[in-house]
């Protein structure tokens, strides 16, 4: 089950459960869409994978599987990007589709 992390790992922008701006990689590294598009160029700095829009956990769901029963994580992962390290990763991965990395 997704943690639904509360903030962008790079800029610390709040990304509540209902946010349309939250993006995640397959390891659930969480960034806002601005950081993904303008800084990371769709390359996760932690794993090299691509990003997808994070799903929104419903307020009311079948069998009670909702945000009320399974709340958003309170754990903030804040580790701003090391630009020099990111540049090395981008040279290697940004021109390769995430499915081919």
Protein backbone atom coordinates (compact mmCIF):
# COMPACT_ATOMS: atom_id res chain seq x y z
CA UNK A 1 0.00 0.00 0.00
CA UNK A 2 1.30 3.45 -0.89
CA UNK A 3 2.51 5.63 1.96
CA UNK A 4 1.15 8.80 0.33
CA UNK A 5 4.14 10.88 1.46
CA UNK A 6 3.20 14.41 2.49
CA UNK A 7 5.82 16.56 0.72
CA UNK A 8 8.14 16.90 -2.26
CA UNK A 9 11.55 15.43 -1.44
CA UNK A 10 13.31 18.31 -3.19
CA UNK A 11 11.42 21.54 -2.44
CA UNK A 12 9.36 20.33 0.54
CA UNK A 13 6.11 21.53 -1.07
CA UNK A 14 3.07 20.09 0.67
CA UNK A 15 1.47 17.27 -1.30
CA UNK A 16 -1.68 16.22 0.54
CA UNK A 17 -3.53 13.07 -0.47
CA UNK A 18 -5.80 15.00 -2.85
CA UNK A 19 -2.94 16.79 -4.65
CA UNK A 20 -2.85 16.60 -8.44
CA UNK A 21 0.81 17.66 -8.34
CA UNK A 22 2.31 14.59 -6.63
CA UNK A 23 4.53 12.36 -8.75
CA UNK A 24 6.12 9.06 -7.66
CA UNK A 25 8.64 6.57 -9.01
CA UNK A 26 8.29 2.80 -8.57
CA UNK A 27 10.00 3.06 -5.16
CA UNK A 28 7.55 5.80 -4.14
CA UNK A 29 10.10 8.60 -4.13
CA UNK A 30 7.77 11.59 -4.11
CA UNK A 31 8.27 14.91 -5.89
CA UNK A 32 6.00 17.71 -7.10
CA UNK A 33 5.36 17.87 -10.84
CA UNK A 34 7.32 21.15 -11.10
CA UNK A 35 10.49 19.53 -9.75
CA UNK A 36 9.96 16.42 -11.92
CA UNK A 37 9.53 18.46 -15.11
CA UNK A 38 11.85 21.43 -14.58
CA UNK A 39 14.70 19.97 -12.52
CA UNK A 40 14.68 16.17 -12.66
CA UNK A 41 13.59 15.85 -16.31
CA UNK A 42 11.58 12.72 -15.39
CA UNK A 43 14.62 10.93 -13.92
CA UNK A 44 14.41 9.88 -10.26
CA UNK A 45 17.65 10.98 -8.55
CA UNK A 46 17.39 8.02 -6.17
CA UNK A 47 16.82 5.10 -8.57
CA UNK A 48 17.05 6.45 -12.14
CA UNK A 49 13.46 5.48 -12.91
CA UNK A 50 10.69 7.64 -14.32
CA UNK A 51 7.70 9.21 -12.61
CA UNK A 52 3.94 8.76 -12.76
CA UNK A 53 1.12 10.74 -11.21
CA UNK A 54 0.51 9.54 -7.66
CA UNK A 55 -2.98 8.09 -7.19
CA UNK A 56 -5.36 9.75 -4.76
CA UNK A 57 -6.67 7.54 -1.98
CA UNK A 58 -10.46 7.95 -1.94
CA UNK A 59 -12.31 9.67 0.88
CA UNK A 60 -15.00 6.99 0.85
CA UNK A 61 -14.27 3.67 -0.75
CA UNK A 62 -15.56 0.14 -1.09
CA UNK A 63 -15.15 -1.85 2.14
CA UNK A 64 -13.91 1.24 3.97
CA UNK A 65 -10.50 1.24 2.28
CA UNK A 66 -10.25 5.01 2.38
CA UNK A 67 -7.92 7.76 3.50
CA UNK A 68 -9.78 7.71 6.83
CA UNK A 69 -8.87 4.07 7.45
CA UNK A 70 -5.42 4.27 5.82
CA UNK A 71 -4.21 7.87 6.34
CA UNK A 72 -1.44 9.69 4.54
CA UNK A 73 2.04 9.19 5.96
CA UNK A 74 3.33 11.85 8.35
CA UNK A 75 6.95 11.03 7.57
CA UNK A 76 8.61 13.83 5.63
CA UNK A 77 11.46 12.83 3.33
CA UNK A 78 13.31 16.07 2.58
CA UNK A 79 16.64 15.79 0.82
CA UNK A 80 17.19 18.59 -1.69
CA UNK A 81 18.82 17.59 -4.95
CA UNK A 82 22.61 17.71 -5.27
CA UNK A 83 22.75 19.42 -8.67
CA UNK A 84 26.21 18.10 -9.58
CA UNK A 85 25.18 14.52 -8.86
CA UNK A 86 21.89 15.03 -10.72
CA UNK A 87 23.73 16.28 -13.81
CA UNK A 88 25.69 13.00 -13.94
CA UNK A 89 22.47 11.00 -13.72
CA UNK A 90 20.71 13.12 -16.36
CA UNK A 91 23.55 12.68 -18.86
CA UNK A 92 23.18 8.94 -18.45
CA UNK A 93 19.36 8.57 -18.38
CA UNK A 94 17.31 11.54 -19.57
CA UNK A 95 17.31 10.52 -23.25
CA UNK A 96 16.30 6.94 -22.48
CA UNK A 97 12.62 6.12 -21.97
CA UNK A 98 11.92 5.03 -18.38
CA UNK A 99 10.78 1.61 -19.66
CA UNK A 100 14.22 1.08 -21.21
CA UNK A 101 16.43 2.30 -18.35
